[in-house]
């Protein structure tokens, strides 16, 4: 199992082997594929959509709409936040971006848009990919759904916890409190 940090406040960590394909090449291939899919749906491939797509694909994190907008502003200063939201909604509806609910709102994954488990820090809201199979669609949860008459649509697995950085901050705060209590 490997964990990949996806928060702008924390560095990206990966336990993946050094043999991963070139991220730039993968992003360009995915960008080309996404522009083709947009055109097939009869949608225009505007410079604004391309900018949002590029930031989403090149991001080593799961950015929120505001983070994407902030990055796009560097080379598309006239783009509105509403355009970012509408582009992300379109990509999510097409199944080309995964929308992830966090405590602070929503973040997005354009590199791996199919549902997969995440670790979420309850304090800083860091979101990390949890690279493991969770066979909800075939497991006991599926049987429970069917027993109750539900039809399986998709699953969302979020594991909540306290990230190492926040755990260390809390440890330091407690240590400081102990020092103050002694004085």
N, C-alpha and C. Protein backbone atom coordinates (compact mmCIF):
# COMPACT_ATOMS: atom_id res chain seq x y z
N UNK A 1 0.86 -1.17 0.00
CA UNK A 1 0.00 0.00 0.00
C UNK A 1 0.90 1.23 0.00
N UNK A 2 0.60 2.19 -0.83
CA UNK A 2 1.35 3.44 -0.80
C UNK A 2 0.38 4.59 -0.60
N UNK A 3 0.91 5.65 -0.04
CA UNK A 3 0.11 6.83 0.26
C UNK A 3 0.74 8.01 -0.45
N UNK A 4 -0.06 8.83 -1.10
CA UNK A 4 0.44 10.00 -1.80
C UNK A 4 -0.26 11.22 -1.24
N UNK A 5 0.51 12.15 -0.68
CA UNK A 5 -0.06 13.38 -0.12
C UNK A 5 -0.58 14.24 -1.25
N UNK A 6 -1.73 14.90 -1.00
CA UNK A 6 -2.32 15.73 -2.05
C UNK A 6 -2.76 17.07 -1.52
N UNK A 7 -2.06 17.61 -0.56
CA UNK A 7 -2.45 18.89 0.01
C UNK A 7 -1.36 19.90 -0.27
N UNK A 8 -1.74 21.12 -0.58
CA UNK A 8 -0.74 22.14 -0.92
C UNK A 8 0.12 22.51 0.27
N UNK A 9 -0.35 22.24 1.48
CA UNK A 9 0.41 22.61 2.66
C UNK A 9 1.48 21.59 3.01
N UNK A 10 1.41 20.43 2.43
CA UNK A 10 2.33 19.36 2.73
C UNK A 10 3.00 18.89 1.44
N UNK A 11 4.24 18.43 1.53
CA UNK A 11 4.90 17.92 0.33
C UNK A 11 4.23 16.63 -0.13
N UNK A 12 4.44 16.32 -1.40
CA UNK A 12 3.89 15.09 -1.95
C UNK A 12 4.84 13.96 -1.61
N UNK A 13 4.29 12.89 -1.00
CA UNK A 13 5.07 11.72 -0.64
C UNK A 13 4.54 10.54 -1.42
N UNK A 14 5.43 9.70 -1.87
CA UNK A 14 4.99 8.50 -2.56
C UNK A 14 5.93 7.37 -2.23
N UNK A 15 5.36 6.20 -2.03
CA UNK A 15 6.16 5.01 -1.81
C UNK A 15 6.26 4.21 -3.10
N UNK A 16 5.85 4.82 -4.20
CA UNK A 16 5.84 4.13 -5.49
C UNK A 16 7.28 3.94 -5.97
N UNK A 17 7.51 2.94 -6.79
CA UNK A 17 8.85 2.70 -7.31
C UNK A 17 9.29 3.82 -8.24
N UNK A 18 10.62 3.89 -8.46
CA UNK A 18 11.19 4.92 -9.31
C UNK A 18 10.89 4.70 -10.79
N UNK A 19 10.18 3.64 -11.13
CA UNK A 19 9.92 3.32 -12.52
C UNK A 19 8.60 3.89 -13.02
N UNK A 20 8.02 4.85 -12.30
CA UNK A 20 6.76 5.45 -12.75
C UNK A 20 6.99 6.17 -14.07
N UNK A 21 5.97 6.16 -14.94
CA UNK A 21 6.10 6.88 -16.21
C UNK A 21 6.25 8.38 -15.98
N UNK A 22 6.78 9.06 -16.97
CA UNK A 22 6.97 10.51 -16.91
C UNK A 22 5.62 11.20 -16.76
N UNK A 23 5.46 11.96 -15.66
CA UNK A 23 4.19 12.63 -15.36
C UNK A 23 3.82 13.61 -16.45
N UNK A 24 4.79 14.35 -17.01
CA UNK A 24 4.50 15.32 -18.06
C UNK A 24 3.92 14.64 -19.29
N UNK A 25 4.48 13.50 -19.66
CA UNK A 25 3.99 12.76 -20.82
C UNK A 25 2.56 12.28 -20.55
N UNK A 26 2.32 11.73 -19.36
CA UNK A 26 0.98 11.26 -19.01
C UNK A 26 -0.03 12.40 -19.02
N UNK A 27 0.37 13.57 -18.50
CA UNK A 27 -0.53 14.72 -18.49
C UNK A 27 -0.87 15.16 -19.90
N UNK A 28 0.12 15.21 -20.77
CA UNK A 28 -0.14 15.62 -22.16
C UNK A 28 -1.04 14.62 -22.87
N UNK A 29 -0.82 13.31 -22.62
CA UNK A 29 -1.67 12.29 -23.23
C UNK A 29 -3.10 12.41 -22.72
N UNK A 30 -3.25 12.62 -21.42
CA UNK A 30 -4.60 12.75 -20.83
C UNK A 30 -5.26 14.04 -21.32
N UNK A 31 -4.50 15.12 -21.44
CA UNK A 31 -5.05 16.38 -21.94
C UNK A 31 -5.55 16.21 -23.37
N UNK A 32 -4.78 15.53 -24.20
CA UNK A 32 -5.19 15.27 -25.57
C UNK A 32 -6.46 14.42 -25.61
N UNK A 33 -6.50 13.40 -24.76
CA UNK A 33 -7.68 12.52 -24.68
C UNK A 33 -8.91 13.30 -24.22
N UNK A 34 -8.75 14.16 -23.22
CA UNK A 34 -9.88 14.93 -22.71
C UNK A 34 -10.40 15.93 -23.73
N UNK A 35 -9.49 16.57 -24.46
CA UNK A 35 -9.95 17.52 -25.48
C UNK A 35 -10.73 16.78 -26.57
N UNK A 36 -10.29 15.58 -26.92
CA UNK A 36 -11.03 14.77 -27.91
C UNK A 36 -12.41 14.42 -27.39
N UNK A 37 -12.50 14.05 -26.11
CA UNK A 37 -13.79 13.70 -25.52
C UNK A 37 -14.75 14.89 -25.48
N UNK A 38 -14.19 16.07 -25.19
CA UNK A 38 -15.03 17.28 -25.21
C UNK A 38 -15.59 17.52 -26.61
N UNK A 39 -14.72 17.41 -27.61
CA UNK A 39 -15.16 17.64 -28.99
C UNK A 39 -16.19 16.61 -29.42
N UNK A 40 -16.00 15.36 -29.01
CA UNK A 40 -16.97 14.30 -29.35
C UNK A 40 -18.35 14.60 -28.77
N UNK A 41 -18.38 15.30 -27.65
CA UNK A 41 -19.66 15.67 -27.05
C UNK A 41 -20.23 16.96 -27.65
N UNK A 42 -19.51 17.50 -28.63
CA UNK A 42 -19.97 18.73 -29.27
C UNK A 42 -19.66 19.97 -28.46
N UNK A 43 -18.73 19.86 -27.53
CA UNK A 43 -18.36 21.00 -26.68
C UNK A 43 -17.12 21.69 -27.22
N UNK A 44 -17.06 22.98 -27.03
CA UNK A 44 -15.90 23.75 -27.47
C UNK A 44 -14.73 23.52 -26.52
N UNK A 45 -13.54 23.50 -27.09
CA UNK A 45 -12.33 23.39 -26.30
C UNK A 45 -11.74 24.79 -26.22
N UNK A 46 -12.18 25.53 -25.21
CA UNK A 46 -11.77 26.92 -25.05
C UNK A 46 -10.45 27.01 -24.30
N UNK A 47 -9.82 28.16 -24.39
CA UNK A 47 -8.56 28.35 -23.67
C UNK A 47 -8.79 28.25 -22.16
N UNK A 48 -9.97 28.67 -21.70
CA UNK A 48 -10.28 28.57 -20.27
C UNK A 48 -10.39 27.12 -19.83
N UNK A 49 -11.11 26.30 -20.61
CA UNK A 49 -11.22 24.88 -20.26
C UNK A 49 -9.86 24.20 -20.29
N UNK A 50 -9.07 24.53 -21.31
CA UNK A 50 -7.73 23.95 -21.40
C UNK A 50 -6.87 24.33 -20.19
N UNK A 51 -6.99 25.58 -19.75
CA UNK A 51 -6.21 26.03 -18.60
C UNK A 51 -6.60 25.26 -17.34
N UNK A 52 -7.91 25.09 -17.12
CA UNK A 52 -8.37 24.34 -15.95
C UNK A 52 -7.91 22.89 -16.04
N UNK A 53 -8.07 22.30 -17.22
CA UNK A 53 -7.63 20.91 -17.42
C UNK A 53 -6.14 20.75 -17.14
N UNK A 54 -5.35 21.67 -17.68
CA UNK A 54 -3.90 21.57 -17.51
C UNK A 54 -3.51 21.65 -16.03
N UNK A 55 -4.07 22.62 -15.31
CA UNK A 55 -3.75 22.76 -13.88
C UNK A 55 -4.19 21.51 -13.12
N UNK A 56 -5.38 21.02 -13.41
CA UNK A 56 -5.89 19.84 -12.73
C UNK A 56 -5.00 18.62 -12.99
N UNK A 57 -4.55 18.46 -14.22
CA UNK A 57 -3.74 17.30 -14.57
C UNK A 57 -2.30 17.42 -14.09
N UNK A 58 -1.76 18.62 -14.09
CA UNK A 58 -0.36 18.81 -13.69
C UNK A 58 -0.19 18.89 -12.18
N UNK A 59 -1.29 19.09 -11.49
CA UNK A 59 -1.22 19.23 -10.04
C UNK A 59 -0.85 17.91 -9.39
N UNK A 60 0.09 17.97 -8.48
CA UNK A 60 0.46 16.78 -7.71
C UNK A 60 -0.42 16.59 -6.49
N UNK A 61 -1.48 17.39 -6.42
CA UNK A 61 -2.38 17.35 -5.27
C UNK A 61 -3.81 17.17 -5.76
N UNK A 62 -4.75 17.14 -4.86
CA UNK A 62 -6.17 17.19 -5.19
C UNK A 62 -6.61 18.62 -4.92
N UNK A 63 -6.52 19.50 -5.91
CA UNK A 63 -6.81 20.91 -5.65
C UNK A 63 -8.31 21.19 -5.55
N UNK A 64 -8.65 22.23 -4.82
CA UNK A 64 -10.02 22.71 -4.79
C UNK A 64 -10.16 23.73 -5.93
N UNK A 65 -11.39 24.14 -6.21
CA UNK A 65 -11.63 25.08 -7.31
C UNK A 65 -10.85 26.38 -7.12
N UNK A 66 -10.77 26.86 -5.88
CA UNK A 66 -10.07 28.11 -5.62
C UNK A 66 -8.58 27.98 -5.90
N UNK A 67 -8.00 26.82 -5.56
CA UNK A 67 -6.57 26.61 -5.85
C UNK A 67 -6.32 26.57 -7.35
N UNK A 68 -7.20 25.91 -8.08
CA UNK A 68 -7.08 25.85 -9.54
C UNK A 68 -7.19 27.26 -10.11
N UNK A 69 -8.19 28.01 -9.66
CA UNK A 69 -8.41 29.38 -10.13
C UNK A 69 -7.18 30.24 -9.86
N UNK A 70 -6.60 30.11 -8.67
CA UNK A 70 -5.42 30.89 -8.31
C UNK A 70 -4.25 30.60 -9.26
N UNK A 71 -4.05 29.35 -9.59
CA UNK A 71 -2.96 28.98 -10.51
C UNK A 71 -3.24 29.45 -11.93
N UNK A 72 -4.49 29.31 -12.36
CA UNK A 72 -4.87 29.72 -13.71
C UNK A 72 -4.73 31.23 -13.86
N UNK A 73 -4.99 31.98 -12.80
CA UNK A 73 -4.91 33.44 -12.84
C UNK A 73 -3.53 33.92 -13.27
N UNK A 74 -2.50 33.11 -13.06
CA UNK A 74 -1.14 33.50 -13.43
C UNK A 74 -0.98 33.70 -14.93
N UNK A 75 -1.74 32.94 -15.74
CA UNK A 75 -1.64 33.09 -17.19
C UNK A 75 -2.98 33.30 -17.88
N UNK A 76 -4.07 33.33 -17.13
CA UNK A 76 -5.40 33.66 -17.65
C UNK A 76 -6.08 34.58 -16.63
N UNK A 77 -5.55 35.79 -16.43
CA UNK A 77 -6.06 36.66 -15.35
C UNK A 77 -7.53 37.05 -15.48
N UNK A 78 -8.10 36.94 -16.65
CA UNK A 78 -9.50 37.33 -16.80
C UNK A 78 -10.48 36.19 -16.49
N UNK A 79 -9.98 35.00 -16.23
CA UNK A 79 -10.87 33.87 -15.97
C UNK A 79 -11.58 34.04 -14.63
N UNK A 80 -12.87 33.74 -14.62
CA UNK A 80 -13.64 33.85 -13.38
C UNK A 80 -13.62 32.53 -12.62
N UNK A 81 -13.86 32.62 -11.33
CA UNK A 81 -13.97 31.43 -10.50
C UNK A 81 -15.16 30.60 -10.96
N UNK A 82 -16.21 31.25 -11.42
CA UNK A 82 -17.38 30.53 -11.93
C UNK A 82 -17.05 29.63 -13.11
N UNK A 83 -16.15 30.08 -13.97
CA UNK A 83 -15.72 29.25 -15.11
C UNK A 83 -15.00 28.01 -14.62
N UNK A 84 -14.19 28.16 -13.58
CA UNK A 84 -13.49 27.01 -13.00
C UNK A 84 -14.51 26.02 -12.46
N UNK A 85 -15.48 26.54 -11.68
CA UNK A 85 -16.51 25.66 -11.13
C UNK A 85 -17.30 24.94 -12.22
N UNK A 86 -17.69 25.66 -13.25
CA UNK A 86 -18.49 25.02 -14.31
C UNK A 86 -17.68 24.00 -15.08
N UNK A 87 -16.40 24.27 -15.30
CA UNK A 87 -15.53 23.30 -15.98
C UNK A 87 -15.35 22.06 -15.12
N UNK A 88 -15.14 22.24 -13.83
CA UNK A 88 -14.99 21.09 -12.92
C UNK A 88 -16.28 20.27 -12.85
N UNK A 89 -17.42 20.95 -12.83
CA UNK A 89 -18.71 20.24 -12.80
C UNK A 89 -18.88 19.43 -14.08
N UNK A 90 -18.51 19.99 -15.21
CA UNK A 90 -18.60 19.29 -16.48
C UNK A 90 -17.69 18.05 -16.47
N UNK A 91 -16.45 18.23 -16.02
CA UNK A 91 -15.51 17.11 -15.99
C UNK A 91 -15.99 16.01 -15.04
N UNK A 92 -16.54 16.39 -13.91
CA UNK A 92 -17.06 15.40 -12.96
C UNK A 92 -18.25 14.66 -13.58
N UNK A 93 -19.13 15.40 -14.24
CA UNK A 93 -20.29 14.78 -14.88
C UNK A 93 -19.87 13.82 -15.99
N UNK A 94 -18.79 14.14 -16.69
CA UNK A 94 -18.27 13.27 -17.75
C UNK A 94 -17.50 12.08 -17.19
N UNK A 95 -17.23 12.09 -15.88
CA UNK A 95 -16.42 11.03 -15.28
C UNK A 95 -14.93 11.22 -15.51
N UNK A 96 -14.54 12.45 -15.82
CA UNK A 96 -13.14 12.76 -16.11
C UNK A 96 -12.42 13.46 -14.97
N UNK A 97 -13.14 13.77 -13.91
CA UNK A 97 -12.54 14.32 -12.69
C UNK A 97 -13.31 13.74 -11.52
N UNK A 98 -12.60 13.30 -10.52
CA UNK A 98 -13.22 12.76 -9.33
C UNK A 98 -13.42 13.89 -8.34
N UNK A 99 -14.65 14.07 -7.89
CA UNK A 99 -14.98 15.08 -6.90
C UNK A 99 -14.90 14.42 -5.52
N UNK A 100 -14.08 14.99 -4.64
CA UNK A 100 -13.85 14.41 -3.32
C UNK A 100 -14.35 15.38 -2.26
N UNK A 101 -15.27 14.92 -1.42
CA UNK A 101 -15.80 15.75 -0.33
C UNK A 101 -14.78 15.76 0.81
N UNK A 102 -14.47 16.96 1.29
CA UNK A 102 -13.59 17.10 2.45
C UNK A 102 -14.31 17.97 3.47
N UNK A 103 -13.67 18.20 4.60
CA UNK A 103 -14.27 19.06 5.62
C UNK A 103 -14.33 20.50 5.16
N UNK A 104 -13.42 20.88 4.27
CA UNK A 104 -13.37 22.25 3.79
C UNK A 104 -14.13 22.47 2.49
N UNK A 105 -14.81 21.46 1.98
CA UNK A 105 -15.54 21.58 0.71
C UNK A 105 -15.23 20.42 -0.20
N UNK A 106 -14.90 20.73 -1.44
CA UNK A 106 -14.62 19.71 -2.44
C UNK A 106 -13.24 19.92 -3.01
N UNK A 107 -12.59 18.83 -3.34
CA UNK A 107 -11.36 18.90 -4.11
C UNK A 107 -11.51 17.92 -5.27
N UNK A 108 -10.57 17.96 -6.20
CA UNK A 108 -10.74 17.22 -7.46
C UNK A 108 -9.48 16.47 -7.83
N UNK A 109 -9.69 15.32 -8.48
CA UNK A 109 -8.59 14.50 -8.98
C UNK A 109 -8.83 14.26 -10.46
N UNK A 110 -7.99 14.84 -11.30
CA UNK A 110 -8.10 14.65 -12.73
C UNK A 110 -7.19 13.58 -13.26
N UNK A 111 -6.21 13.20 -12.48
CA UNK A 111 -5.28 12.15 -12.91
C UNK A 111 -5.88 10.76 -12.74
N UNK A 112 -6.62 10.59 -11.67
CA UNK A 112 -7.21 9.29 -11.34
C UNK A 112 -8.69 9.52 -11.04
N UNK A 113 -9.52 9.67 -12.08
CA UNK A 113 -10.89 10.10 -11.88
C UNK A 113 -11.88 9.02 -11.46
N UNK A 114 -11.43 7.81 -11.29
CA UNK A 114 -12.33 6.76 -10.83
C UNK A 114 -12.29 6.71 -9.31
N UNK A 115 -13.40 6.33 -8.68
CA UNK A 115 -13.43 6.29 -7.21
C UNK A 115 -12.32 5.41 -6.64
N UNK A 116 -11.64 5.95 -5.64
CA UNK A 116 -10.60 5.22 -4.93
C UNK A 116 -10.53 5.79 -3.51
N UNK A 117 -10.02 4.99 -2.56
CA UNK A 117 -10.02 5.43 -1.17
C UNK A 117 -9.02 6.56 -0.90
N UNK A 118 -9.36 7.37 0.11
CA UNK A 118 -8.52 8.50 0.52
C UNK A 118 -8.36 8.54 2.03
N UNK A 119 -7.25 9.08 2.45
CA UNK A 119 -7.03 9.44 3.85
C UNK A 119 -7.28 10.94 3.93
N UNK A 120 -8.01 11.38 4.96
CA UNK A 120 -8.29 12.80 5.12
C UNK A 120 -7.95 13.19 6.55
N UNK A 121 -7.10 14.20 6.71
CA UNK A 121 -6.76 14.70 8.04
C UNK A 121 -7.91 15.55 8.56
N UNK A 122 -8.35 15.25 9.77
CA UNK A 122 -9.49 15.98 10.35
C UNK A 122 -9.10 17.39 10.80
N UNK A 123 -7.82 17.67 10.85
CA UNK A 123 -7.38 18.99 11.30
C UNK A 123 -7.02 19.92 10.14
N UNK A 124 -6.10 19.51 9.28
CA UNK A 124 -5.65 20.39 8.20
C UNK A 124 -6.33 20.08 6.86
N UNK A 125 -7.10 19.01 6.82
CA UNK A 125 -7.86 18.59 5.63
C UNK A 125 -6.99 18.05 4.52
N UNK A 126 -5.76 17.66 4.83
CA UNK A 126 -4.90 17.02 3.84
C UNK A 126 -5.63 15.80 3.29
N UNK A 127 -5.57 15.62 1.98
CA UNK A 127 -6.19 14.47 1.32
C UNK A 127 -5.08 13.67 0.66
N UNK A 128 -5.03 12.39 0.97
CA UNK A 128 -4.01 11.50 0.42
C UNK A 128 -4.68 10.32 -0.27
N UNK A 129 -4.16 9.95 -1.44
CA UNK A 129 -4.63 8.73 -2.08
C UNK A 129 -4.20 7.55 -1.23
N UNK A 130 -5.09 6.63 -1.06
CA UNK A 130 -4.80 5.38 -0.37
C UNK A 130 -4.82 4.32 -1.46
N UNK A 131 -3.65 3.95 -1.93
CA UNK A 131 -3.54 3.07 -3.09
C UNK A 131 -3.72 1.61 -2.69
N UNK A 132 -4.98 1.24 -2.57
CA UNK A 132 -5.33 -0.14 -2.25
C UNK A 132 -6.71 -0.42 -2.82
N UNK A 133 -6.98 -1.67 -3.07
CA UNK A 133 -8.29 -2.05 -3.57
C UNK A 133 -9.26 -2.18 -2.42
N UNK A 134 -10.42 -1.59 -2.57
CA UNK A 134 -11.51 -1.75 -1.62
C UNK A 134 -12.69 -2.26 -2.46
N UNK A 135 -12.86 -3.57 -2.52
CA UNK A 135 -13.87 -4.14 -3.42
C UNK A 135 -15.29 -4.01 -2.90
N UNK A 136 -15.76 -2.79 -2.73
CA UNK A 136 -17.10 -2.54 -2.21
C UNK A 136 -18.15 -3.10 -3.16
N UNK A 137 -17.92 -2.93 -4.46
CA UNK A 137 -18.92 -3.34 -5.44
C UNK A 137 -19.15 -4.84 -5.44
N UNK A 138 -18.19 -5.63 -4.97
CA UNK A 138 -18.36 -7.07 -4.98
C UNK A 138 -18.44 -7.67 -3.58
N UNK A 139 -18.20 -6.90 -2.55
CA UNK A 139 -18.07 -7.42 -1.20
C UNK A 139 -19.36 -7.46 -0.41
N UNK A 140 -19.21 -7.60 0.90
CA UNK A 140 -20.36 -7.70 1.78
C UNK A 140 -21.27 -6.46 1.75
N UNK A 141 -20.70 -5.30 1.49
CA UNK A 141 -21.53 -4.09 1.39
C UNK A 141 -22.48 -4.18 0.21
N UNK A 142 -22.03 -4.75 -0.86
CA UNK A 142 -22.89 -4.93 -2.05
C UNK A 142 -24.07 -5.83 -1.69
N UNK A 143 -23.79 -6.91 -0.96
CA UNK A 143 -24.86 -7.82 -0.55
C UNK A 143 -25.86 -7.11 0.36
N UNK A 144 -25.36 -6.25 1.26
CA UNK A 144 -26.25 -5.49 2.14
C UNK A 144 -27.13 -4.53 1.34
N UNK A 145 -26.54 -3.90 0.34
CA UNK A 145 -27.32 -3.00 -0.52
C UNK A 145 -28.46 -3.75 -1.19
N UNK A 146 -28.11 -4.87 -1.79
CA UNK A 146 -29.11 -5.64 -2.51
C UNK A 146 -30.19 -6.18 -1.57
N UNK A 147 -29.80 -6.59 -0.37
CA UNK A 147 -30.76 -7.10 0.61
C UNK A 147 -31.80 -6.03 0.95
N UNK A 148 -31.36 -4.77 0.96
CA UNK A 148 -32.26 -3.66 1.28
C UNK A 148 -32.92 -3.06 0.05
N UNK A 149 -32.69 -3.66 -1.10
CA UNK A 149 -33.34 -3.20 -2.31
C UNK A 149 -32.64 -2.07 -3.04
N UNK A 150 -31.42 -1.76 -2.64
CA UNK A 150 -30.66 -0.69 -3.30
C UNK A 150 -29.92 -1.23 -4.51
N UNK A 151 -29.69 -0.36 -5.47
CA UNK A 151 -28.84 -0.69 -6.60
C UNK A 151 -27.52 0.04 -6.40
N UNK A 152 -26.42 -0.68 -6.51
CA UNK A 152 -25.10 -0.09 -6.34
C UNK A 152 -24.84 0.90 -7.47
N UNK A 153 -24.37 2.11 -7.11
CA UNK A 153 -24.00 3.12 -8.08
C UNK A 153 -22.50 3.35 -8.04
N UNK A 154 -22.00 3.75 -6.89
CA UNK A 154 -20.55 3.88 -6.71
C UNK A 154 -20.27 3.99 -5.23
N UNK A 155 -19.00 3.86 -4.88
CA UNK A 155 -18.62 3.92 -3.47
C UNK A 155 -17.59 5.02 -3.26
N UNK A 156 -17.54 5.49 -2.04
CA UNK A 156 -16.59 6.52 -1.65
C UNK A 156 -16.03 6.12 -0.29
N UNK A 157 -14.75 5.81 -0.25
CA UNK A 157 -14.13 5.40 1.00
C UNK A 157 -13.18 6.50 1.45
N UNK A 158 -13.48 7.08 2.61
CA UNK A 158 -12.61 8.09 3.23
C UNK A 158 -12.24 7.58 4.60
N UNK A 159 -10.97 7.54 4.85
CA UNK A 159 -10.47 7.17 6.17
C UNK A 159 -10.04 8.47 6.84
N UNK A 160 -10.64 8.77 7.98
CA UNK A 160 -10.36 10.01 8.69
C UNK A 160 -9.30 9.77 9.75
N UNK A 161 -8.42 10.72 9.89
CA UNK A 161 -7.37 10.59 10.89
C UNK A 161 -6.64 11.90 11.08
N UNK A 162 -5.55 11.84 11.77
CA UNK A 162 -4.70 12.99 12.03
C UNK A 162 -3.37 12.72 11.34
N UNK A 163 -2.98 13.58 10.39
CA UNK A 163 -1.76 13.36 9.62
C UNK A 163 -0.53 13.51 10.53
N UNK A 164 0.62 13.01 10.11
CA UNK A 164 1.84 13.10 10.94
C UNK A 164 2.21 14.53 11.33
N UNK A 165 2.03 15.47 10.41
CA UNK A 165 2.38 16.86 10.70
C UNK A 165 1.48 17.43 11.81
N UNK A 166 0.18 17.17 11.70
CA UNK A 166 -0.76 17.67 12.72
C UNK A 166 -0.56 16.94 14.05
N UNK A 167 -0.24 15.66 14.00
CA UNK A 167 0.05 14.92 15.23
C UNK A 167 1.25 15.53 15.94
N UNK A 168 2.28 15.88 15.18
CA UNK A 168 3.47 16.49 15.77
C UNK A 168 3.14 17.86 16.34
N UNK A 169 2.33 18.65 15.63
CA UNK A 169 1.93 19.96 16.14
C UNK A 169 1.17 19.82 17.45
N UNK A 170 0.27 18.84 17.52
CA UNK A 170 -0.50 18.63 18.75
C UNK A 170 0.42 18.17 19.89
N UNK A 171 1.41 17.33 19.57
CA UNK A 171 2.36 16.89 20.58
C UNK A 171 3.14 18.07 21.13
N UNK A 172 3.56 18.98 20.25
CA UNK A 172 4.30 20.17 20.68
C UNK A 172 3.43 21.09 21.53
N UNK A 173 2.18 21.25 21.16
CA UNK A 173 1.26 22.09 21.94
C UNK A 173 1.08 21.50 23.33
N UNK A 174 0.88 20.19 23.42
CA UNK A 174 0.71 19.54 24.73
C UNK A 174 1.97 19.69 25.58
N UNK A 175 3.14 19.54 24.94
CA UNK A 175 4.39 19.69 25.67
C UNK A 175 4.54 21.11 26.19
N UNK A 176 4.16 22.09 25.37
CA UNK A 176 4.23 23.49 25.79
C UNK A 176 3.26 23.75 26.94
N UNK A 177 2.08 23.16 26.90
CA UNK A 177 1.10 23.32 27.98
C UNK A 177 1.64 22.75 29.29
N UNK A 178 2.30 21.63 29.21
CA UNK A 178 2.89 21.01 30.42
C UNK A 178 3.96 21.92 31.00
N UNK A 179 4.79 22.51 30.14
CA UNK A 179 5.84 23.41 30.60
C UNK A 179 5.22 24.63 31.30
N UNK A 180 4.16 25.19 30.72
CA UNK A 180 3.49 26.36 31.31
C UNK A 180 2.81 26.01 32.63
N UNK A 181 2.29 24.80 32.74
CA UNK A 181 1.63 24.37 33.98
C UNK A 181 2.65 24.27 35.12
N UNK A 182 3.87 23.92 34.80
CA UNK A 182 4.92 23.76 35.83
C UNK A 182 5.45 25.09 36.31
N UNK A 183 5.23 26.15 35.57
CA UNK A 183 5.78 27.46 35.95
C UNK A 183 4.75 28.28 36.62
